């Protein structure tokens, strides 16, 4: 056994139980076009990890799909979506929507967004998905946590 073997994740585990906003957003069930979420890096798998990183495949649909309810975190988060066309890496093959503090953003290219701690974000969903793509959520915290569906006090 090598000195750094404990830092590797060789078999990603299902992490659906970590992601509380996704199940609630779909009435307790994940939308049919959303693949199982897997943990790329989590403190539960690598005890020295200071991040929680999960990914899912998003599969084709012609219907608009609401996936994640609005929420906020006490830590920064990066959301990443990547198309799968090696001849055009910028083409997502889909259109997603994401609200940040109530402002709607629509995206159809491979990309990412930085969500600062304390920033209310989502809903997140898809207007259409023509071909599968990957979605990654990188929480700059060892475990995923949010204020699921708690209204912001002003």
C-alpha atoms as a PDB file:
ATOM      1  CA  UNK A   1       0.000   0.000   0.000  1.00  0.00           C
ATOM      2  CA  UNK A   2       1.367   3.404  -1.006  1.00  0.00           C
ATOM      3  CA  UNK A   3       1.702   6.414   1.256  1.00  0.00           C
ATOM      4  CA  UNK A   4      -1.069   8.313  -0.611  1.00  0.00           C
ATOM      5  CA  UNK A   5      -3.469   5.501  -1.502  1.00  0.00           C
ATOM      6  CA  UNK A   6      -5.943   6.798   1.104  1.00  0.00           C
ATOM      7  CA  UNK A   7      -6.407   9.990  -0.946  1.00  0.00           C
ATOM      8  CA  UNK A   8      -7.918   8.222  -3.980  1.00  0.00           C
ATOM      9  CA  UNK A   9     -11.546   7.408  -4.725  1.00  0.00           C
ATOM     10  CA  UNK A  10     -11.476   4.294  -6.902  1.00  0.00           C
ATOM     11  CA  UNK A  11     -15.151   3.429  -6.767  1.00  0.00           C
ATOM     12  CA  UNK A  12     -17.602   6.317  -6.637  1.00  0.00           C
ATOM     13  CA  UNK A  13     -20.539   5.675  -4.326  1.00  0.00           C
ATOM     14  CA  UNK A  14     -24.109   6.788  -4.832  1.00  0.00           C
ATOM     15  CA  UNK A  15     -24.533  10.051  -2.919  1.00  0.00           C
ATOM     16  CA  UNK A  16     -28.264  10.718  -3.440  1.00  0.00           C
ATOM     17  CA  UNK A  17     -28.786  10.915   0.332  1.00  0.00           C
ATOM     18  CA  UNK A  18     -26.323  13.832   0.499  1.00  0.00           C
ATOM     19  CA  UNK A  19     -28.243  16.017  -1.965  1.00  0.00           C
ATOM     20  CA  UNK A  20     -31.377  17.028  -0.065  1.00  0.00           C
ATOM     21  CA  UNK A  21     -32.602  19.717  -2.480  1.00  0.00           C
ATOM     22  CA  UNK A  22     -32.788  17.467  -5.516  1.00  0.00           C
ATOM     23  CA  UNK A  23     -35.225  14.894  -4.111  1.00  0.00           C
ATOM     24  CA  UNK A  24     -37.440  17.597  -2.630  1.00  0.00           C
ATOM     25  CA  UNK A  25     -37.462  19.469  -5.925  1.00  0.00           C
ATOM     26  CA  UNK A  26     -39.013  16.479  -7.632  1.00  0.00           C
ATOM     27  CA  UNK A  27     -41.651  15.780  -4.993  1.00  0.00           C
ATOM     28  CA  UNK A  28     -39.442  13.232  -3.276  1.00  0.00           C
ATOM     29  CA  UNK A  29     -38.257  11.539  -6.478  1.00  0.00           C
ATOM     30  CA  UNK A  30     -35.492  12.380  -8.904  1.00  0.00           C
ATOM     31  CA  UNK A  31     -36.728  13.437 -12.375  1.00  0.00           C
ATOM     32  CA  UNK A  32     -36.589  10.572 -14.892  1.00  0.00           C
ATOM     33  CA  UNK A  33     -33.859  12.168 -17.038  1.00  0.00           C
ATOM     34  CA  UNK A  34     -31.433  12.702 -14.135  1.00  0.00           C
ATOM     35  CA  UNK A  35     -28.931   9.889 -13.581  1.00  0.00           C
ATOM     36  CA  UNK A  36     -27.842   8.640 -10.183  1.00  0.00           C
ATOM     37  CA  UNK A  37     -25.513  11.061  -8.394  1.00  0.00           C
ATOM     38  CA  UNK A  38     -22.071   9.763  -7.513  1.00  0.00           C
ATOM     39  CA  UNK A  39     -19.497  11.138  -5.097  1.00  0.00           C
ATOM     40  CA  UNK A  40     -16.289  12.154  -6.847  1.00  0.00           C
ATOM     41  CA  UNK A  41     -14.787  13.459  -3.597  1.00  0.00           C
ATOM     42  CA  UNK A  42     -16.332  13.606  -0.126  1.00  0.00           C
ATOM     43  CA  UNK A  43     -15.017  13.587   3.426  1.00  0.00           C
ATOM     44  CA  UNK A  44     -16.958  10.372   4.027  1.00  0.00           C
ATOM     45  CA  UNK A  45     -14.741   8.673   1.394  1.00  0.00           C
ATOM     46  CA  UNK A  46     -11.466  10.577   1.911  1.00  0.00           C
ATOM     47  CA  UNK A  47     -11.306  11.833   5.467  1.00  0.00           C
ATOM     48  CA  UNK A  48      -8.839  14.642   4.643  1.00  0.00           C
ATOM     49  CA  UNK A  49     -11.102  16.098   1.937  1.00  0.00           C
ATOM     50  CA  UNK A  50     -12.276  19.667   2.455  1.00  0.00           C
ATOM     51  CA  UNK A  51     -14.695  19.510  -0.505  1.00  0.00           C
ATOM     52  CA  UNK A  52     -17.833  17.606  -1.490  1.00  0.00           C
ATOM     53  CA  UNK A  53     -18.003  16.900  -5.217  1.00  0.00           C
ATOM     54  CA  UNK A  54     -20.843  14.999  -6.868  1.00  0.00           C
ATOM     55  CA  UNK A  55     -21.699  14.318 -10.481  1.00  0.00           C
ATOM     56  CA  UNK A  56     -24.650  13.050 -12.484  1.00  0.00           C
ATOM     57  CA  UNK A  57     -25.448  12.362 -16.110  1.00  0.00           C
ATOM     58  CA  UNK A  58     -28.309  14.443 -17.450  1.00  0.00           C
ATOM     59  CA  UNK A  59     -30.201  12.481 -20.097  1.00  0.00           C
ATOM     60  CA  UNK A  60     -32.303  13.668 -23.052  1.00  0.00           C
ATOM     61  CA  UNK A  61     -35.800  15.034 -22.603  1.00  0.00           C
ATOM     62  CA  UNK A  62     -38.058  17.250 -24.675  1.00  0.00           C
ATOM     63  CA  UNK A  63     -39.980  18.385 -21.608  1.00  0.00           C
ATOM     64  CA  UNK A  64     -38.998  21.154 -19.235  1.00  0.00           C
ATOM     65  CA  UNK A  65     -37.656  19.585 -16.031  1.00  0.00           C
ATOM     66  CA  UNK A  66     -37.416  21.236 -12.603  1.00  0.00           C
ATOM     67  CA  UNK A  67     -34.560  19.575 -10.714  1.00  0.00           C
ATOM     68  CA  UNK A  68     -33.351  21.598  -7.710  1.00  0.00           C
ATOM     69  CA  UNK A  69     -35.289  23.907  -5.378  1.00  0.00           C
ATOM     70  CA  UNK A  70     -33.989  27.293  -4.247  1.00  0.00           C
ATOM     71  CA  UNK A  71     -31.606  27.215  -1.294  1.00  0.00           C
ATOM     72  CA  UNK A  72     -28.352  28.637   0.017  1.00  0.00           C
ATOM     73  CA  UNK A  73     -25.202  27.374   1.693  1.00  0.00           C
ATOM     74  CA  UNK A  74     -22.833  28.712   4.335  1.00  0.00           C
ATOM     75  CA  UNK A  75     -19.954  27.856   1.974  1.00  0.00           C
ATOM     76  CA  UNK A  76     -19.010  28.610  -1.639  1.00  0.00           C
ATOM     77  CA  UNK A  77     -20.163  26.277  -4.397  1.00  0.00           C
ATOM     78  CA  UNK A  78     -19.209  25.766  -8.044  1.00  0.00           C
ATOM     79  CA  UNK A  79     -21.694  24.201 -10.468  1.00  0.00           C
ATOM     80  CA  UNK A  80     -20.240  22.731 -13.670  1.00  0.00           C
ATOM     81  CA  UNK A  81     -21.963  21.369 -16.778  1.00  0.00           C
ATOM     82  CA  UNK A  82     -20.031  19.732 -19.607  1.00  0.00           C
ATOM     83  CA  UNK A  83     -21.218  18.734 -23.065  1.00  0.00           C
ATOM     84  CA  UNK A  84     -20.037  15.481 -24.587  1.00  0.00           C
ATOM     85  CA  UNK A  85     -19.221  16.445 -28.196  1.00  0.00           C
ATOM     86  CA  UNK A  86     -15.417  16.241 -28.614  1.00  0.00           C
ATOM     87  CA  UNK A  87     -15.702  18.126 -31.920  1.00  0.00           C
ATOM     88  CA  UNK A  88     -17.480  21.057 -30.240  1.00  0.00           C
ATOM     89  CA  UNK A  89     -16.728  21.132 -26.527  1.00  0.00           C
ATOM     90  CA  UNK A  90     -18.680  24.360 -26.086  1.00  0.00           C
ATOM     91  CA  UNK A  91     -22.005  22.906 -27.273  1.00  0.00           C
ATOM     92  CA  UNK A  92     -23.895  21.596 -24.244  1.00  0.00           C
ATOM     93  CA  UNK A  93     -26.575  19.908 -26.331  1.00  0.00           C
ATOM     94  CA  UNK A  94     -29.123  21.232 -23.852  1.00  0.00           C
ATOM     95  CA  UNK A  95     -30.507  24.382 -22.293  1.00  0.00           C
ATOM     96  CA  UNK A  96     -30.494  24.762 -18.537  1.00  0.00           C
ATOM     97  CA  UNK A  97     -31.876  27.509 -16.349  1.00  0.00           C
ATOM     98  CA  UNK A  98     -30.570  28.674 -12.992  1.00  0.00           C
ATOM     99  CA  UNK A  99     -31.751  31.514 -10.794  1.00  0.00           C
ATOM    100  CA  UNK A 100     -29.288  33.465  -8.632  1.00  0.00           C
ATOM    101  CA  UNK A 101     -30.980  35.718  -6.077  1.00  0.00           C
ATOM    102  CA  UNK A 102     -34.122  35.612  -8.251  1.00  0.00           C
ATOM    103  CA  UNK A 103     -32.327  36.538 -11.504  1.00  0.00           C
ATOM    104  CA  UNK A 104     -32.886  33.899 -14.225  1.00  0.00           C
ATOM    105  CA  UNK A 105     -29.899  32.703 -16.276  1.00  0.00           C
ATOM    106  CA  UNK A 106     -30.296  30.445 -19.320  1.00  0.00           C
ATOM    107  CA  UNK A 107     -27.279  28.511 -20.570  1.00  0.00           C
ATOM    108  CA  UNK A 108     -26.679  26.287 -23.617  1.00  0.00           C
ATOM    109  CA  UNK A 109     -22.867  26.020 -23.569  1.00  0.00           C
ATOM    110  CA  UNK A 110     -20.414  24.010 -21.490  1.00  0.00           C
ATOM    111  CA  UNK A 111     -19.526  26.125 -18.477  1.00  0.00           C
ATOM    112  CA  UNK A 112     -19.698  26.734 -14.764  1.00  0.00           C
ATOM    113  CA  UNK A 113     -20.833  29.227 -12.161  1.00  0.00           C
ATOM    114  CA  UNK A 114     -19.382  30.270  -8.801  1.00  0.00           C
ATOM    115  CA  UNK A 115     -22.020  30.641  -6.083  1.00  0.00           C
ATOM    116  CA  UNK A 116     -20.643  32.635  -3.105  1.00  0.00           C
ATOM    117  CA  UNK A 117     -21.578  31.522   0.412  1.00  0.00           C
ATOM    118  CA  UNK A 118     -24.923  32.952   1.506  1.00  0.00           C
ATOM    119  CA  UNK A 119     -26.190  33.483  -2.062  1.00  0.00           C
ATOM    120  CA  UNK A 120     -29.684  32.137  -2.655  1.00  0.00           C
ATOM    121  CA  UNK A 121     -29.686  30.095  -5.859  1.00  0.00           C
ATOM    122  CA  UNK A 122     -31.959  27.877  -7.921  1.00  0.00           C
ATOM    123  CA  UNK A 123     -34.406  26.728  -9.058  1.00  0.00           C
ATOM    124  CA  UNK A 124     -32.273  24.765 -11.461  1.00  0.00           C
ATOM    125  CA  UNK A 125     -33.693  22.779 -14.333  1.00  0.00           C
ATOM    126  CA  UNK A 126     -33.659  22.109 -18.037  1.00  0.00           C
ATOM    127  CA  UNK A 127     -35.750  23.530 -20.860  1.00  0.00           C
ATOM    128  CA  UNK A 128     -34.618  20.634 -23.071  1.00  0.00           C
ATOM    129  CA  UNK A 129     -31.793  18.119 -23.316  1.00  0.00           C
ATOM    130  CA  UNK A 130     -30.924  16.835 -26.811  1.00  0.00           C
ATOM    131  CA  UNK A 131     -28.037  14.581 -25.743  1.00  0.00           C
ATOM    132  CA  UNK A 132     -26.556  13.480 -22.412  1.00  0.00           C
ATOM    133  CA  UNK A 133     -24.135  15.733 -20.551  1.00  0.00           C
ATOM    134  CA  UNK A 134     -22.472  15.697 -17.149  1.00  0.00           C
ATOM    135  CA  UNK A 135     -23.328  17.959 -14.251  1.00  0.00           C
ATOM    136  CA  UNK A 136     -20.931  18.420 -11.332  1.00  0.00           C
ATOM    137  CA  UNK A 137     -21.574  20.206  -8.037  1.00  0.00           C
ATOM    138  CA  UNK A 138     -18.430  21.170  -6.127  1.00  0.00           C
ATOM    139  CA  UNK A 139     -19.202  22.284  -2.574  1.00  0.00           C
ATOM    140  CA  UNK A 140     -16.241  23.928  -0.882  1.00  0.00           C
ATOM    141  CA  UNK A 141     -17.137  22.080   2.298  1.00  0.00           C
ATOM    142  CA  UNK A 142     -16.401  18.461   3.308  1.00  0.00           C
ATOM    143  CA  UNK A 143     -20.111  17.581   3.286  1.00  0.00           C
ATOM    144  CA  UNK A 144     -23.171  18.934   1.509  1.00  0.00           C
ATOM    145  CA  UNK A 145     -25.465  21.072   3.642  1.00  0.00           C
ATOM    146  CA  UNK A 146     -28.105  23.705   2.915  1.00  0.00           C
ATOM    147  CA  UNK A 147     -31.128  25.475   4.289  1.00  0.00           C
ATOM    148  CA  UNK A 148     -33.452  23.446   2.059  1.00  0.00           C
ATOM    149  CA  UNK A 149     -36.577  25.453   1.309  1.00  0.00           C
ATOM    150  CA  UNK A 150     -36.134  27.827   4.238  1.00  0.00           C
ATOM    151  CA  UNK A 151     -37.410  31.268   3.210  1.00  0.00           C
ATOM    152  CA  UNK A 152     -34.872  34.062   3.391  1.00  0.00           C
ATOM    153  CA  UNK A 153     -35.640  36.668   6.037  1.00  0.00           C
ATOM    154  CA  UNK A 154     -35.303  40.245   4.853  1.00  0.00           C
END
